[in-house]
Amino acid sequence: MNNSRQSVTLVIDIANLDGVLSSILGRKPGRFDRPDFRSLLDWARRSFGGPVRGFAVLKEPQNPRCQPFLGTLRAQGYSVVLAERFAAANGVCSPSSLEVDDHVCAHLLESSKSDVIAMVGHDMFAGESLSEQVARGARCLAIGFPELMSHTFIEAGVELVDIEDLGVYARSLPRFTLSIN
């Protein structure tokens, strides 16, 4: 735990985290399989003591049943960033780009002026974006499942944080572990 007050930007790639969780579970995650997103913001506040700005990035939901989820994220303190709209409004990339959410996450990471920048996800786009932030002196974290993260995080000098160690899941996940003797 750090006693100084450091500002934090926390960017969550919702689709990436959900996809990786699906691969761990071997099925589409149910409501109770997903992380408690509020606890990620709480962890950042406790760990760094300063203001935390959380962004939840996802593609425009095609199903109206997703609206309550978006409302929950907002109520928990996240700015919900609909990737296609954000990309069009900010000239990030074509809103129809297959990887529009990745490009938006990268843009949010690159434009942050926070002391600590944390990416919740596993994609190479984020690692490349964080390398510039490491160079400017920001403390950068990749939060997720380290065994499934892109090598670009390590190459960029980003600290890897196991999301399960943060206590955001209601139960343990069936992950593989390696023992080196």
C-alpha atoms as a PDB file:
ATOM      1  CA  MET A   1       0.000   0.000   0.000  1.00  0.00           C
ATOM      2  CA  ASN A   2       1.265   3.430  -0.937  1.00  0.00           C
ATOM      3  CA  ASN A   3       0.741   6.282   1.555  1.00  0.00           C
ATOM      4  CA  SER A   4       1.090   9.116  -0.980  1.00  0.00           C
ATOM      5  CA  ARG A   5      -1.975  10.386  -2.819  1.00  0.00           C
ATOM      6  CA  GLN A   6      -1.651   9.432  -6.458  1.00  0.00           C
ATOM      7  CA  SER A   7      -4.266  10.006  -9.147  1.00  0.00           C
ATOM      8  CA  VAL A   8      -5.395   6.860 -10.940  1.00  0.00           C
ATOM      9  CA  THR A   9      -6.928   6.142 -14.329  1.00  0.00           C
ATOM     10  CA  LEU A  10      -8.509   2.677 -14.520  1.00  0.00           C
ATOM     11  CA  VAL A  11      -9.592   1.460 -17.975  1.00  0.00           C
ATOM     12  CA  ILE A  12     -11.545  -1.785 -18.301  1.00  0.00           C
ATOM     13  CA  ASP A  13     -11.891  -3.545 -21.652  1.00  0.00           C
ATOM     14  CA  ILE A  14     -15.184  -5.246 -20.795  1.00  0.00           C
ATOM     15  CA  ALA A  15     -15.305  -7.519 -23.873  1.00  0.00           C
ATOM     16  CA  ASN A  16     -11.700  -8.627 -23.430  1.00  0.00           C
ATOM     17  CA  LEU A  17     -12.151  -9.440 -19.762  1.00  0.00           C
ATOM     18  CA  ASP A  18     -15.390 -11.295 -20.513  1.00  0.00           C
ATOM     19  CA  GLY A  19     -13.771 -13.255 -23.351  1.00  0.00           C
ATOM     20  CA  VAL A  20     -10.800 -14.297 -21.240  1.00  0.00           C
ATOM     21  CA  LEU A  21     -13.117 -15.272 -18.402  1.00  0.00           C
ATOM     22  CA  SER A  22     -15.109 -17.399 -20.890  1.00  0.00           C
ATOM     23  CA  SER A  23     -11.929 -19.231 -21.890  1.00  0.00           C
ATOM     24  CA  ILE A  24     -11.103 -19.917 -18.224  1.00  0.00           C
ATOM     25  CA  LEU A  25     -14.598 -21.167 -17.418  1.00  0.00           C
ATOM     26  CA  GLY A  26     -15.092 -23.023 -20.702  1.00  0.00           C
ATOM     27  CA  ARG A  27     -18.483 -21.305 -21.127  1.00  0.00           C
ATOM     28  CA  LYS A  28     -20.090 -17.895 -21.275  1.00  0.00           C
ATOM     29  CA  PRO A  29     -19.820 -16.317 -17.817  1.00  0.00           C
ATOM     30  CA  GLY A  30     -23.013 -15.954 -15.835  1.00  0.00           C
ATOM     31  CA  ARG A  31     -23.894 -12.970 -13.666  1.00  0.00           C
ATOM     32  CA  PHE A  32     -22.214 -14.447 -10.597  1.00  0.00           C
ATOM     33  CA  ASP A  33     -19.035 -15.387 -12.501  1.00  0.00           C
ATOM     34  CA  ARG A  34     -18.169 -11.811 -13.375  1.00  0.00           C
ATOM     35  CA  PRO A  35     -16.010  -9.543 -11.233  1.00  0.00           C
ATOM     36  CA  ASP A  36     -17.406  -6.971  -8.852  1.00  0.00           C
ATOM     37  CA  PHE A  37     -16.362  -3.891 -10.788  1.00  0.00           C
ATOM     38  CA  ARG A  38     -16.984  -1.539  -7.852  1.00  0.00           C
ATOM     39  CA  SER A  39     -14.341  -3.365  -5.835  1.00  0.00           C
ATOM     40  CA  LEU A  40     -11.738  -2.520  -8.516  1.00  0.00           C
ATOM     41  CA  LEU A  41     -12.348   1.180  -7.928  1.00  0.00           C
ATOM     42  CA  ASP A  42     -12.260   0.607  -4.152  1.00  0.00           C
ATOM     43  CA  TRP A  43      -8.942  -1.255  -4.464  1.00  0.00           C
ATOM     44  CA  ALA A  44      -7.431   1.611  -6.488  1.00  0.00           C
ATOM     45  CA  ARG A  45      -8.583   4.188  -3.914  1.00  0.00           C
ATOM     46  CA  ARG A  46      -7.160   2.162  -1.005  1.00  0.00           C
ATOM     47  CA  SER A  47      -3.910   1.390  -2.809  1.00  0.00           C
ATOM     48  CA  PHE A  48      -3.096   4.867  -4.112  1.00  0.00           C
ATOM     49  CA  GLY A  49      -5.080   7.239  -1.903  1.00  0.00           C
ATOM     50  CA  GLY A  50      -5.903   9.723  -4.637  1.00  0.00           C
ATOM     51  CA  PRO A  51      -8.773  10.334  -7.018  1.00  0.00           C
ATOM     52  CA  VAL A  52      -9.690   7.423  -9.283  1.00  0.00           C
ATOM     53  CA  ARG A  53     -11.251   7.829 -12.709  1.00  0.00           C
ATOM     54  CA  GLY A  54     -12.749   4.579 -14.024  1.00  0.00           C
ATOM     55  CA  PHE A  55     -13.650   3.937 -17.654  1.00  0.00           C
ATOM     56  CA  ALA A  56     -15.633   0.873 -18.751  1.00  0.00           C
ATOM     57  CA  VAL A  57     -15.140   0.452 -22.498  1.00  0.00           C
ATOM     58  CA  LEU A  58     -17.458  -1.705 -24.551  1.00  0.00           C
ATOM     59  CA  LYS A  59     -19.018  -1.861 -27.977  1.00  0.00           C
ATOM     60  CA  GLU A  60     -22.510  -0.482 -28.458  1.00  0.00           C
ATOM     61  CA  PRO A  61     -24.849  -3.133 -27.012  1.00  0.00           C
ATOM     62  CA  GLN A  62     -27.114  -4.678 -29.649  1.00  0.00           C
ATOM     63  CA  ASN A  63     -29.350  -6.187 -26.992  1.00  0.00           C
ATOM     64  CA  PRO A  64     -31.591  -3.907 -24.894  1.00  0.00           C
ATOM     65  CA  ARG A  65     -31.145  -6.338 -21.983  1.00  0.00           C
ATOM     66  CA  CYS A  66     -27.610  -4.886 -21.580  1.00  0.00           C
ATOM     67  CA  GLN A  67     -28.934  -1.482 -20.475  1.00  0.00           C
ATOM     68  CA  PRO A  68     -29.205  -2.464 -16.775  1.00  0.00           C
ATOM     69  CA  PHE A  69     -25.532  -3.537 -16.847  1.00  0.00           C
ATOM     70  CA  LEU A  70     -24.530  -0.125 -18.224  1.00  0.00           C
ATOM     71  CA  GLY A  71     -26.615   1.547 -15.529  1.00  0.00           C
ATOM     72  CA  THR A  72     -24.916  -0.561 -12.862  1.00  0.00           C
ATOM     73  CA  LEU A  73     -21.457   0.422 -14.125  1.00  0.00           C
ATOM     74  CA  ARG A  74     -22.441   4.097 -14.035  1.00  0.00           C
ATOM     75  CA  ALA A  75     -23.907   3.748 -10.533  1.00  0.00           C
ATOM     76  CA  GLN A  76     -20.667   2.134  -9.383  1.00  0.00           C
ATOM     77  CA  GLY A  77     -18.707   5.196 -10.514  1.00  0.00           C
ATOM     78  CA  TYR A  78     -17.527   4.309 -14.024  1.00  0.00           C
ATOM     79  CA  SER A  79     -17.743   6.455 -17.107  1.00  0.00           C
ATOM     80  CA  VAL A  80     -19.260   4.062 -19.632  1.00  0.00           C
ATOM     81  CA  VAL A  81     -17.527   4.536 -22.971  1.00  0.00           C
ATOM     82  CA  LEU A  82     -19.412   3.147 -25.950  1.00  0.00           C
ATOM     83  CA  ALA A  83     -16.548   2.478 -28.315  1.00  0.00           C
ATOM     84  CA  GLU A  84     -18.172   3.250 -31.665  1.00  0.00           C
ATOM     85  CA  ARG A  85     -19.576   6.597 -30.492  1.00  0.00           C
ATOM     86  CA  PHE A  86     -16.335   7.589 -28.777  1.00  0.00           C
ATOM     87  CA  ALA A  87     -14.233   6.639 -31.824  1.00  0.00           C
ATOM     88  CA  ALA A  88     -16.438   8.693 -34.136  1.00  0.00           C
ATOM     89  CA  ALA A  89     -16.552  11.725 -31.828  1.00  0.00           C
ATOM     90  CA  ASN A  90     -12.798  11.735 -31.142  1.00  0.00           C
ATOM     91  CA  GLY A  91     -11.382  10.530 -34.468  1.00  0.00           C
ATOM     92  CA  VAL A  92      -9.749   7.524 -32.840  1.00  0.00           C
ATOM     93  CA  CYS A  93     -10.500   5.067 -35.666  1.00  0.00           C
ATOM     94  CA  SER A  94     -13.371   4.028 -37.863  1.00  0.00           C
ATOM     95  CA  PRO A  95     -16.389   3.211 -35.694  1.00  0.00           C
ATOM     96  CA  SER A  96     -16.843   0.069 -37.809  1.00  0.00           C
ATOM     97  CA  SER A  97     -13.322  -1.176 -37.043  1.00  0.00           C
ATOM     98  CA  LEU A  98     -13.386  -4.728 -35.738  1.00  0.00           C
ATOM     99  CA  GLU A  99     -11.072  -3.669 -32.896  1.00  0.00           C
ATOM    100  CA  VAL A 100     -12.735  -0.331 -32.128  1.00  0.00           C
ATOM    101  CA  ASP A 101     -12.878  -1.085 -28.406  1.00  0.00           C
ATOM    102  CA  ASP A 102      -9.134  -1.861 -28.348  1.00  0.00           C
ATOM    103  CA  HIS A 103      -8.336   1.416 -30.109  1.00  0.00           C
ATOM    104  CA  VAL A 104     -10.526   3.373 -27.686  1.00  0.00           C
ATOM    105  CA  CYS A 105      -8.847   1.727 -24.673  1.00  0.00           C
ATOM    106  CA  ALA A 106      -5.451   2.588 -26.164  1.00  0.00           C
ATOM    107  CA  HIS A 107      -6.543   6.204 -26.690  1.00  0.00           C
ATOM    108  CA  LEU A 108      -7.766   6.556 -23.098  1.00  0.00           C
ATOM    109  CA  LEU A 109      -4.507   5.081 -21.772  1.00  0.00           C
ATOM    110  CA  GLU A 110      -2.325   7.294 -23.984  1.00  0.00           C
ATOM    111  CA  SER A 111      -4.183  10.490 -23.098  1.00  0.00           C
ATOM    112  CA  SER A 112      -4.207   9.979 -19.321  1.00  0.00           C
ATOM    113  CA  LYS A 113      -2.174  12.379 -17.183  1.00  0.00           C
ATOM    114  CA  SER A 114      -2.641  10.328 -13.990  1.00  0.00           C
ATOM    115  CA  ASP A 115       0.201   9.206 -11.752  1.00  0.00           C
ATOM    116  CA  VAL A 116      -1.002   5.600 -11.970  1.00  0.00           C
ATOM    117  CA  ILE A 117      -2.573   4.103 -15.075  1.00  0.00           C
ATOM    118  CA  ALA A 118      -4.194   0.684 -14.821  1.00  0.00           C
ATOM    119  CA  MET A 119      -5.542  -1.394 -17.680  1.00  0.00           C
ATOM    120  CA  VAL A 120      -7.923  -4.231 -16.912  1.00  0.00           C
ATOM    121  CA  GLY A 121      -7.495  -6.494 -19.914  1.00  0.00           C
ATOM    122  CA  HIS A 122      -5.021  -8.630 -21.789  1.00  0.00           C
ATOM    123  CA  ASP A 123      -4.576  -7.130 -25.294  1.00  0.00           C
ATOM    124  CA  MET A 124      -1.393  -6.038 -26.999  1.00  0.00           C
ATOM    125  CA  PHE A 125      -2.937  -2.665 -27.858  1.00  0.00           C
ATOM    126  CA  ALA A 126      -2.865  -1.674 -24.214  1.00  0.00           C
ATOM    127  CA  GLY A 127       0.744  -2.773 -23.721  1.00  0.00           C
ATOM    128  CA  GLU A 128       1.896  -0.633 -26.605  1.00  0.00           C
ATOM    129  CA  SER A 129      -0.016   2.373 -25.243  1.00  0.00           C
ATOM    130  CA  LEU A 130       1.312   1.961 -21.732  1.00  0.00           C
ATOM    131  CA  SER A 131       4.942   1.881 -22.868  1.00  0.00           C
ATOM    132  CA  GLU A 132       4.744   5.639 -23.569  1.00  0.00           C
ATOM    133  CA  GLN A 133       3.264   6.249 -20.139  1.00  0.00           C
ATOM    134  CA  VAL A 134       6.056   4.229 -18.474  1.00  0.00           C
ATOM    135  CA  ALA A 135       8.551   6.394 -20.394  1.00  0.00           C
ATOM    136  CA  ARG A 136       6.994   9.598 -18.984  1.00  0.00           C
ATOM    137  CA  GLY A 137       7.314   8.172 -15.475  1.00  0.00           C
ATOM    138  CA  ALA A 138       3.775   6.977 -14.792  1.00  0.00           C
ATOM    139  CA  ARG A 139       3.308   3.806 -12.798  1.00  0.00           C
ATOM    140  CA  CYS A 140       1.469   1.428 -15.106  1.00  0.00           C
ATOM    141  CA  LEU A 141      -0.405  -1.717 -14.165  1.00  0.00           C
ATOM    142  CA  ALA A 142      -2.013  -4.472 -16.198  1.00  0.00           C
ATOM    143  CA  ILE A 143      -4.771  -6.123 -14.179  1.00  0.00           C
ATOM    144  CA  GLY A 144      -6.098  -9.456 -15.318  1.00  0.00           C
ATOM    145  CA  PHE A 145      -4.929 -13.036 -15.554  1.00  0.00           C
ATOM    146  CA  PRO A 146      -1.130 -12.776 -15.956  1.00  0.00           C
ATOM    147  CA  GLU A 147      -0.803 -16.179 -17.603  1.00  0.00           C
ATOM    148  CA  LEU A 148      -3.019 -14.923 -20.442  1.00  0.00           C
ATOM    149  CA  MET A 149      -1.695 -11.366 -20.854  1.00  0.00           C
ATOM    150  CA  SER A 150       0.059 -10.084 -23.933  1.00  0.00           C
ATOM    151  CA  HIS A 151       3.861 -10.093 -23.811  1.00  0.00           C
ATOM    152  CA  THR A 152       3.735  -6.394 -24.708  1.00  0.00           C
ATOM    153  CA  PHE A 153       2.930  -5.577 -21.075  1.00  0.00           C
ATOM    154  CA  ILE A 154       6.170  -7.149 -19.895  1.00  0.00           C
ATOM    155  CA  GLU A 155       8.180  -5.564 -22.707  1.00  0.00           C
ATOM    156  CA  ALA A 156       6.736  -2.152 -21.787  1.00  0.00           C
ATOM    157  CA  GLY A 157       7.776  -2.472 -18.126  1.00  0.00           C
ATOM    158  CA  VAL A 158       4.183  -2.680 -16.907  1.00  0.00           C
ATOM    159  CA  GLU A 159       3.475  -4.259 -13.509  1.00  0.00           C
ATOM    160  CA  LEU A 160       1.244  -7.345 -13.779  1.00  0.00           C
ATOM    161  CA  VAL A 161      -1.484  -7.655 -11.152  1.00  0.00           C
ATOM    162  CA  ASP A 162      -3.544 -10.831 -10.818  1.00  0.00           C
ATOM    163  CA  ILE A 163      -7.165  -9.706 -10.732  1.00  0.00           C
ATOM    164  CA  GLU A 164      -8.140 -12.650  -8.555  1.00  0.00           C
ATOM    165  CA  ASP A 165      -5.730 -11.430  -5.846  1.00  0.00           C
ATOM    166  CA  LEU A 166      -7.794  -8.233  -5.587  1.00  0.00           C
ATOM    167  CA  GLY A 167     -10.827 -10.124  -4.269  1.00  0.00           C
ATOM    168  CA  VAL A 168     -13.178  -9.078  -7.057  1.00  0.00           C
ATOM    169  CA  TYR A 169     -14.597 -12.556  -7.687  1.00  0.00           C
ATOM    170  CA  ALA A 170     -17.156 -14.194  -5.411  1.00  0.00           C
ATOM    171  CA  ARG A 171     -15.455 -17.592  -5.804  1.00  0.00           C
ATOM    172  CA  SER A 172     -12.161 -19.013  -7.012  1.00  0.00           C
ATOM    173  CA  LEU A 173     -11.802 -19.543 -10.716  1.00  0.00           C
ATOM    174  CA  PRO A 174     -10.613 -22.835 -12.254  1.00  0.00           C
ATOM    175  CA  ARG A 175      -7.206 -21.598 -13.416  1.00  0.00           C
ATOM    176  CA  PHE A 176      -4.103 -23.608 -14.098  1.00  0.00           C
ATOM    177  CA  THR A 177      -1.012 -23.078 -11.993  1.00  0.00           C
ATOM    178  CA  LEU A 178       2.593 -23.911 -12.705  1.00  0.00           C
ATOM    179  CA  SER A 179       4.971 -25.034 -10.020  1.00  0.00           C
ATOM    180  CA  ILE A 180       8.656 -24.608 -10.649  1.00  0.00           C
ATOM    181  CA  ASN A 181      10.847 -26.524  -8.266  1.00  0.00           C
END
